[in-house]
Amino acid sequence: MAATKSVTREQVLAAGLALADAQGLGALTMRGVAAELGIEAMSLYHHLPGKKEELLDGLLDLVAEEVAGAAREMAVVDQGWPTEVRTRCLAARTVMLRHAWVPGLLGSRPTIRPGIFQLYEDVLVAMVRGGCSYRLAHRAMHALGSMVLGFSQELFSPGGAGTAGEAEMEAMAAALPYTAAMVASELHDAADPVLGWCDSQSEFEFTLDLLISGLERANATT
């Protein structure tokens, strides 16, 4: 009988991450990860007794570590909390652009992973140590929202706007003329990296800078 190939939990998660990056979250299965590693699917359960649910949580842990590492690499020293908060959000953005399936996964999980909480803690530390009150920092957490994780969470996504037929667009223009005009003028270039409707790099940075500027002004008046 051939010897069973030995793998570590880290190798299993790395294979899952690579599979999700290459083929999307829909292609992520225990069998697919096992095939990437050249082992039987049953061999994975030693490392992931919770099966796919544990795999998904493990991938979020990996991504949270990657975001923290990116923030350390882009770290700025003694330039004030606004610069640090901006840098942390942009560092997270670089990671999310590599793993565009993560925002969808985050919204589907029943609990928030500790590593995700830590990313918010790091922003909170920067603000409070920089002279912000906990009251303002609390409001900043709500205002920044998912931007701390590198993406903008939209309330709705008119996914058919880019592919709607002429009749649908005419009906939209008649019922919602300003919305239709905005959609027509703001459809993104296919080359613009996006993580969802209206989540291009330029719009992410515009919103982030707007929020941080507002938080700076609020901090100066308290």
C-alpha atoms as a PDB file:
ATOM      1  CA  MET A   1       0.000   0.000   0.000  1.00  0.00           C
ATOM      2  CA  ALA A   2       1.330   3.446  -0.914  1.00  0.00           C
ATOM      3  CA  ALA A   3       2.192   5.736   1.952  1.00  0.00           C
ATOM      4  CA  THR A   4      -0.267   8.550   2.662  1.00  0.00           C
ATOM      5  CA  LYS A   5       1.137  11.969   1.862  1.00  0.00           C
ATOM      6  CA  SER A   6       1.528  14.042   5.006  1.00  0.00           C
ATOM      7  CA  VAL A   7       0.318  17.640   4.958  1.00  0.00           C
ATOM      8  CA  THR A   8      -0.033  20.334   7.611  1.00  0.00           C
ATOM      9  CA  ARG A   9      -3.025  22.488   8.445  1.00  0.00           C
ATOM     10  CA  GLU A  10      -1.137  25.469   7.049  1.00  0.00           C
ATOM     11  CA  GLN A  11      -0.679  23.673   3.728  1.00  0.00           C
ATOM     12  CA  VAL A  12      -4.363  22.775   3.625  1.00  0.00           C
ATOM     13  CA  LEU A  13      -5.419  26.399   4.175  1.00  0.00           C
ATOM     14  CA  ALA A  14      -2.878  27.688   1.668  1.00  0.00           C
ATOM     15  CA  ALA A  15      -4.260  25.287  -0.936  1.00  0.00           C
ATOM     16  CA  GLY A  16      -7.800  26.456  -0.165  1.00  0.00           C
ATOM     17  CA  LEU A  17      -6.754  30.077  -0.531  1.00  0.00           C
ATOM     18  CA  ALA A  18      -5.090  29.397  -3.870  1.00  0.00           C
ATOM     19  CA  LEU A  19      -8.135  27.509  -5.141  1.00  0.00           C
ATOM     20  CA  ALA A  20     -10.546  30.292  -4.141  1.00  0.00           C
ATOM     21  CA  ASP A  21      -8.283  32.896  -5.762  1.00  0.00           C
ATOM     22  CA  ALA A  22      -8.014  30.949  -8.991  1.00  0.00           C
ATOM     23  CA  GLN A  23     -11.583  29.713  -9.399  1.00  0.00           C
ATOM     24  CA  GLY A  24     -13.766  31.648  -6.975  1.00  0.00           C
ATOM     25  CA  LEU A  25     -15.470  30.691  -3.758  1.00  0.00           C
ATOM     26  CA  GLY A  26     -18.055  28.594  -5.574  1.00  0.00           C
ATOM     27  CA  ALA A  27     -15.329  26.185  -6.649  1.00  0.00           C
ATOM     28  CA  LEU A  28     -14.000  25.740  -3.128  1.00  0.00           C
ATOM     29  CA  THR A  29     -14.731  22.217  -1.894  1.00  0.00           C
ATOM     30  CA  MET A  30     -12.940  19.812   0.411  1.00  0.00           C
ATOM     31  CA  ARG A  31     -12.471  17.478  -2.538  1.00  0.00           C
ATOM     32  CA  GLY A  32     -11.015  20.297  -4.624  1.00  0.00           C
ATOM     33  CA  VAL A  33      -8.552  21.266  -1.887  1.00  0.00           C
ATOM     34  CA  ALA A  34      -7.521  17.626  -1.495  1.00  0.00           C
ATOM     35  CA  ALA A  35      -6.920  17.392  -5.236  1.00  0.00           C
ATOM     36  CA  GLU A  36      -4.723  20.490  -5.091  1.00  0.00           C
ATOM     37  CA  LEU A  37      -2.626  18.731  -2.444  1.00  0.00           C
ATOM     38  CA  GLY A  38      -2.656  15.330  -4.121  1.00  0.00           C
ATOM     39  CA  ILE A  39      -4.350  13.568  -1.211  1.00  0.00           C
ATOM     40  CA  GLU A  40      -7.712  11.993  -0.400  1.00  0.00           C
ATOM     41  CA  ALA A  41     -10.448  14.304   0.916  1.00  0.00           C
ATOM     42  CA  MET A  42     -10.773  12.233   4.097  1.00  0.00           C
ATOM     43  CA  SER A  43      -7.187  13.154   4.970  1.00  0.00           C
ATOM     44  CA  LEU A  44      -8.253  16.780   5.410  1.00  0.00           C
ATOM     45  CA  TYR A  45     -10.575  16.052   8.299  1.00  0.00           C
ATOM     46  CA  HIS A  46      -7.673  15.471  10.668  1.00  0.00           C
ATOM     47  CA  HIS A  47      -6.773  19.146  10.232  1.00  0.00           C
ATOM     48  CA  LEU A  48     -10.297  20.472   9.706  1.00  0.00           C
ATOM     49  CA  PRO A  49     -12.712  18.364  11.764  1.00  0.00           C
ATOM     50  CA  GLY A  50     -15.383  20.987  11.151  1.00  0.00           C
ATOM     51  CA  LYS A  51     -15.043  20.287   7.424  1.00  0.00           C
ATOM     52  CA  LYS A  52     -15.863  23.119   5.031  1.00  0.00           C
ATOM     53  CA  GLU A  53     -17.110  25.526   7.720  1.00  0.00           C
ATOM     54  CA  GLU A  54     -13.768  25.290   9.467  1.00  0.00           C
ATOM     55  CA  LEU A  55     -11.992  25.693   6.139  1.00  0.00           C
ATOM     56  CA  LEU A  56     -13.870  28.937   5.461  1.00  0.00           C
ATOM     57  CA  ASP A  57     -13.072  30.307   8.910  1.00  0.00           C
ATOM     58  CA  GLY A  58      -9.452  29.315   8.446  1.00  0.00           C
ATOM     59  CA  LEU A  59      -9.276  31.214   5.168  1.00  0.00           C
ATOM     60  CA  LEU A  60     -10.604  34.352   6.861  1.00  0.00           C
ATOM     61  CA  ASP A  61      -7.932  33.950   9.537  1.00  0.00           C
ATOM     62  CA  LEU A  62      -5.274  33.749   6.821  1.00  0.00           C
ATOM     63  CA  VAL A  63      -6.585  36.863   5.086  1.00  0.00           C
ATOM     64  CA  ALA A  64      -6.748  38.793   8.377  1.00  0.00           C
ATOM     65  CA  GLU A  65      -3.101  37.894   8.999  1.00  0.00           C
ATOM     66  CA  GLU A  66      -2.261  39.039   5.476  1.00  0.00           C
ATOM     67  CA  VAL A  67      -3.975  42.387   6.058  1.00  0.00           C
ATOM     68  CA  ALA A  68      -2.103  42.873   9.340  1.00  0.00           C
ATOM     69  CA  GLY A  69       1.164  42.083   7.589  1.00  0.00           C
ATOM     70  CA  ALA A  70       0.416  44.504   4.763  1.00  0.00           C
ATOM     71  CA  ALA A  71      -0.337  47.227   7.308  1.00  0.00           C
ATOM     72  CA  ARG A  72       3.003  46.612   9.004  1.00  0.00           C
ATOM     73  CA  GLU A  73       4.829  46.847   5.679  1.00  0.00           C
ATOM     74  CA  MET A  74       3.100  50.138   4.841  1.00  0.00           C
ATOM     75  CA  ALA A  75       3.433  51.497   8.377  1.00  0.00           C
ATOM     76  CA  VAL A  76       4.054  55.205   8.830  1.00  0.00           C
ATOM     77  CA  VAL A  77       5.757  56.663  11.873  1.00  0.00           C
ATOM     78  CA  ASP A  78       4.856  59.880  13.680  1.00  0.00           C
ATOM     79  CA  GLN A  79       2.606  61.268  10.946  1.00  0.00           C
ATOM     80  CA  GLY A  80      -0.584  61.353  13.004  1.00  0.00           C
ATOM     81  CA  TRP A  81      -3.587  59.068  13.345  1.00  0.00           C
ATOM     82  CA  PRO A  82      -5.329  60.200  10.104  1.00  0.00           C
ATOM     83  CA  THR A  83      -2.361  59.024   8.032  1.00  0.00           C
ATOM     84  CA  GLU A  84      -2.117  55.748   9.944  1.00  0.00           C
ATOM     85  CA  VAL A  85      -5.822  54.989   9.628  1.00  0.00           C
ATOM     86  CA  ARG A  86      -5.739  55.798   5.902  1.00  0.00           C
ATOM     87  CA  THR A  87      -2.670  53.617   5.431  1.00  0.00           C
ATOM     88  CA  ARG A  88      -4.282  50.696   7.245  1.00  0.00           C
ATOM     89  CA  CYS A  89      -7.396  50.881   5.090  1.00  0.00           C
ATOM     90  CA  LEU A  90      -5.359  51.077   1.897  1.00  0.00           C
ATOM     91  CA  ALA A  91      -3.185  48.171   3.046  1.00  0.00           C
ATOM     92  CA  ALA A  92      -6.323  46.102   3.563  1.00  0.00           C
ATOM     93  CA  ARG A  93      -7.444  47.144   0.096  1.00  0.00           C
ATOM     94  CA  THR A  94      -4.323  45.681  -1.520  1.00  0.00           C
ATOM     95  CA  VAL A  95      -5.129  42.340   0.112  1.00  0.00           C
ATOM     96  CA  MET A  96      -8.803  42.367  -0.872  1.00  0.00           C
ATOM     97  CA  LEU A  97      -7.898  43.005  -4.505  1.00  0.00           C
ATOM     98  CA  ARG A  98      -5.897  39.773  -4.386  1.00  0.00           C
ATOM     99  CA  HIS A  99      -8.794  37.879  -2.804  1.00  0.00           C
ATOM    100  CA  ALA A 100     -11.921  39.445  -4.313  1.00  0.00           C
ATOM    101  CA  TRP A 101     -14.144  36.647  -2.937  1.00  0.00           C
ATOM    102  CA  VAL A 102     -13.500  37.625   0.693  1.00  0.00           C
ATOM    103  CA  PRO A 103     -16.123  40.413   1.040  1.00  0.00           C
ATOM    104  CA  GLY A 104     -18.863  37.976   0.049  1.00  0.00           C
ATOM    105  CA  LEU A 105     -17.596  35.356   2.476  1.00  0.00           C
ATOM    106  CA  LEU A 106     -17.371  37.818   5.353  1.00  0.00           C
ATOM    107  CA  GLY A 107     -21.028  38.680   4.997  1.00  0.00           C
ATOM    108  CA  SER A 108     -22.066  35.031   5.130  1.00  0.00           C
ATOM    109  CA  ARG A 109     -20.283  33.914   8.288  1.00  0.00           C
ATOM    110  CA  PRO A 110     -22.321  33.526  11.515  1.00  0.00           C
ATOM    111  CA  THR A 111     -19.549  34.966  13.711  1.00  0.00           C
ATOM    112  CA  ILE A 112     -16.696  37.439  13.316  1.00  0.00           C
ATOM    113  CA  ARG A 113     -13.225  35.948  13.516  1.00  0.00           C
ATOM    114  CA  PRO A 114     -10.818  37.282  16.187  1.00  0.00           C
ATOM    115  CA  GLY A 115      -8.336  38.389  13.527  1.00  0.00           C
ATOM    116  CA  ILE A 116     -10.999  40.593  11.943  1.00  0.00           C
ATOM    117  CA  PHE A 117     -11.764  42.195  15.310  1.00  0.00           C
ATOM    118  CA  GLN A 118      -8.027  42.841  15.721  1.00  0.00           C
ATOM    119  CA  LEU A 119      -7.943  44.926  12.537  1.00  0.00           C
ATOM    120  CA  TYR A 120     -10.552  47.248  14.035  1.00  0.00           C
ATOM    121  CA  GLU A 121      -8.683  47.252  17.332  1.00  0.00           C
ATOM    122  CA  ASP A 122      -5.555  48.445  15.508  1.00  0.00           C
ATOM    123  CA  VAL A 123      -7.449  51.375  13.994  1.00  0.00           C
ATOM    124  CA  LEU A 124      -8.962  52.177  17.393  1.00  0.00           C
ATOM    125  CA  VAL A 125      -5.494  52.162  19.000  1.00  0.00           C
ATOM    126  CA  ALA A 126      -4.193  54.583  16.368  1.00  0.00           C
ATOM    127  CA  MET A 127      -7.051  57.003  16.944  1.00  0.00           C
ATOM    128  CA  VAL A 128      -7.101  56.955  20.740  1.00  0.00           C
ATOM    129  CA  ARG A 129      -3.323  57.162  21.095  1.00  0.00           C
ATOM    130  CA  GLY A 130      -3.436  59.978  18.551  1.00  0.00           C
ATOM    131  CA  GLY A 131      -5.706  62.038  20.779  1.00  0.00           C
ATOM    132  CA  CYS A 132      -9.225  61.053  19.721  1.00  0.00           C
ATOM    133  CA  SER A 133     -11.891  60.370  22.306  1.00  0.00           C
ATOM    134  CA  TYR A 134     -13.518  56.974  22.540  1.00  0.00           C
ATOM    135  CA  ARG A 135     -16.762  58.652  21.543  1.00  0.00           C
ATOM    136  CA  LEU A 136     -15.300  59.869  18.247  1.00  0.00           C
ATOM    137  CA  ALA A 137     -13.472  56.583  17.694  1.00  0.00           C
ATOM    138  CA  HIS A 138     -16.739  54.699  18.174  1.00  0.00           C
ATOM    139  CA  ARG A 139     -18.410  56.861  15.556  1.00  0.00           C
ATOM    140  CA  ALA A 140     -15.425  56.364  13.271  1.00  0.00           C
ATOM    141  CA  MET A 141     -15.864  52.592  13.464  1.00  0.00           C
ATOM    142  CA  HIS A 142     -19.428  52.990  12.209  1.00  0.00           C
ATOM    143  CA  ALA A 143     -18.471  55.535   9.546  1.00  0.00           C
ATOM    144  CA  LEU A 144     -15.514  53.578   8.180  1.00  0.00           C
ATOM    145  CA  GLY A 145     -17.304  50.238   8.389  1.00  0.00           C
ATOM    146  CA  SER A 146     -15.907  47.698   5.942  1.00  0.00           C
ATOM    147  CA  MET A 147     -13.310  50.180   4.659  1.00  0.00           C
ATOM    148  CA  VAL A 148     -11.091  49.008   7.529  1.00  0.00           C
ATOM    149  CA  LEU A 149     -11.178  45.644   5.730  1.00  0.00           C
ATOM    150  CA  GLY A 150     -10.428  47.187   2.352  1.00  0.00           C
ATOM    151  CA  PHE A 151     -13.780  47.320   0.598  1.00  0.00           C
ATOM    152  CA  SER A 152     -16.997  49.333   0.456  1.00  0.00           C
ATOM    153  CA  GLN A 153     -20.156  47.532   1.475  1.00  0.00           C
ATOM    154  CA  GLU A 154     -22.982  48.756  -0.706  1.00  0.00           C
ATOM    155  CA  LEU A 155     -26.638  48.657   0.314  1.00  0.00           C
ATOM    156  CA  PHE A 156     -27.684  47.269  -3.049  1.00  0.00           C
ATOM    157  CA  SER A 157     -26.069  46.212  -6.276  1.00  0.00           C
ATOM    158  CA  PRO A 158     -27.905  46.840  -9.518  1.00  0.00           C
ATOM    159  CA  GLY A 159     -26.094  43.960 -11.168  1.00  0.00           C
ATOM    160  CA  GLY A 160     -28.107  44.180 -14.353  1.00  0.00           C
ATOM    161  CA  ALA A 161     -27.304  47.819 -14.988  1.00  0.00           C
ATOM    162  CA  GLY A 162     -24.346  47.015 -17.191  1.00  0.00           C
ATOM    163  CA  THR A 163     -26.175  44.369 -19.250  1.00  0.00           C
ATOM    164  CA  ALA A 164     -29.774  45.585 -19.270  1.00  0.00           C
ATOM    165  CA  GLY A 165     -31.517  45.723 -22.606  1.00  0.00           C
ATOM    166  CA  GLU A 166     -32.698  48.881 -24.300  1.00  0.00           C
ATOM    167  CA  ALA A 167     -36.284  48.440 -23.065  1.00  0.00           C
ATOM    168  CA  GLU A 168     -35.150  48.007 -19.456  1.00  0.00           C
ATOM    169  CA  MET A 169     -32.938  51.076 -19.614  1.00  0.00           C
ATOM    170  CA  GLU A 170     -35.758  53.133 -21.122  1.00  0.00           C
ATOM    171  CA  ALA A 171     -38.115  52.003 -18.367  1.00  0.00           C
ATOM    172  CA  MET A 172     -35.532  52.887 -15.740  1.00  0.00           C
ATOM    173  CA  ALA A 173     -34.944  56.286 -17.296  1.00  0.00           C
ATOM    174  CA  ALA A 174     -38.671  57.008 -17.256  1.00  0.00           C
ATOM    175  CA  ALA A 175     -39.206  55.969 -13.634  1.00  0.00           C
ATOM    176  CA  LEU A 176     -35.886  57.083 -12.137  1.00  0.00           C
ATOM    177  CA  PRO A 177     -34.370  59.640 -14.497  1.00  0.00           C
ATOM    178  CA  TYR A 178     -31.601  60.890 -12.211  1.00  0.00           C
ATOM    179  CA  THR A 179     -30.612  57.378 -11.170  1.00  0.00           C
ATOM    180  CA  ALA A 180     -30.535  56.254 -14.788  1.00  0.00           C
ATOM    181  CA  ALA A 181     -28.415  59.252 -15.784  1.00  0.00           C
ATOM    182  CA  MET A 182     -25.975  58.560 -12.949  1.00  0.00           C
ATOM    183  CA  VAL A 183     -25.675  54.875 -13.887  1.00  0.00           C
ATOM    184  CA  ALA A 184     -25.131  55.753 -17.539  1.00  0.00           C
ATOM    185  CA  SER A 185     -22.380  58.243 -16.721  1.00  0.00           C
ATOM    186  CA  GLU A 186     -20.669  56.191 -14.018  1.00  0.00           C
ATOM    187  CA  LEU A 187     -20.417  52.687 -15.470  1.00  0.00           C
ATOM    188  CA  HIS A 188     -16.864  51.655 -14.751  1.00  0.00           C
ATOM    189  CA  ASP A 189     -14.203  50.818 -17.239  1.00  0.00           C
ATOM    190  CA  ALA A 190     -13.675  47.058 -17.281  1.00  0.00           C
ATOM    191  CA  ALA A 191      -9.999  47.614 -16.486  1.00  0.00           C
ATOM    192  CA  ASP A 192     -10.806  49.439 -13.244  1.00  0.00           C
ATOM    193  CA  PRO A 193     -10.333  46.906 -10.402  1.00  0.00           C
ATOM    194  CA  VAL A 194     -13.562  46.554  -8.453  1.00  0.00           C
ATOM    195  CA  LEU A 195     -14.792  44.472  -5.530  1.00  0.00           C
ATOM    196  CA  GLY A 196     -18.437  45.096  -6.303  1.00  0.00           C
ATOM    197  CA  TRP A 197     -20.822  47.764  -7.519  1.00  0.00           C
ATOM    198  CA  CYS A 198     -19.253  51.202  -7.062  1.00  0.00           C
ATOM    199  CA  ASP A 199     -16.159  49.858  -5.340  1.00  0.00           C
ATOM    200  CA  SER A 200     -13.428  51.024  -7.684  1.00  0.00           C
ATOM    201  CA  GLN A 201     -10.067  52.119  -6.326  1.00  0.00           C
ATOM    202  CA  SER A 202     -10.768  55.793  -7.027  1.00  0.00           C
ATOM    203  CA  GLU A 203     -14.145  55.710  -5.293  1.00  0.00           C
ATOM    204  CA  PHE A 204     -12.718  53.795  -2.338  1.00  0.00           C
ATOM    205  CA  GLU A 205     -10.008  56.403  -1.824  1.00  0.00           C
ATOM    206  CA  PHE A 206     -12.435  59.299  -2.373  1.00  0.00           C
ATOM    207  CA  THR A 207     -14.789  57.984   0.316  1.00  0.00           C
ATOM    208  CA  LEU A 208     -11.954  57.136   2.696  1.00  0.00           C
ATOM    209  CA  ASP A 209     -10.403  60.586   2.413  1.00  0.00           C
ATOM    210  CA  LEU A 210     -13.788  62.247   2.847  1.00  0.00           C
ATOM    211  CA  LEU A 211     -14.449  60.298   6.046  1.00  0.00           C
ATOM    212  CA  ILE A 212     -11.008  60.876   7.531  1.00  0.00           C
ATOM    213  CA  SER A 213     -11.188  64.606   6.781  1.00  0.00           C
ATOM    214  CA  GLY A 214     -14.538  64.761   8.549  1.00  0.00           C
ATOM    215  CA  LEU A 215     -13.186  62.837  11.535  1.00  0.00           C
ATOM    216  CA  GLU A 216     -10.215  65.231  11.734  1.00  0.00           C
ATOM    217  CA  ARG A 217     -12.547  68.215  11.820  1.00  0.00           C
ATOM    218  CA  ALA A 218     -14.724  66.581  14.448  1.00  0.00           C
ATOM    219  CA  ASN A 219     -11.692  65.811  16.589  1.00  0.00           C
ATOM    220  CA  ALA A 220     -10.472  69.406  16.341  1.00  0.00           C
ATOM    221  CA  THR A 221     -13.768  70.755  17.713  1.00  0.00           C
ATOM    222  CA  THR A 222     -14.061  68.430  20.731  1.00  0.00           C
END
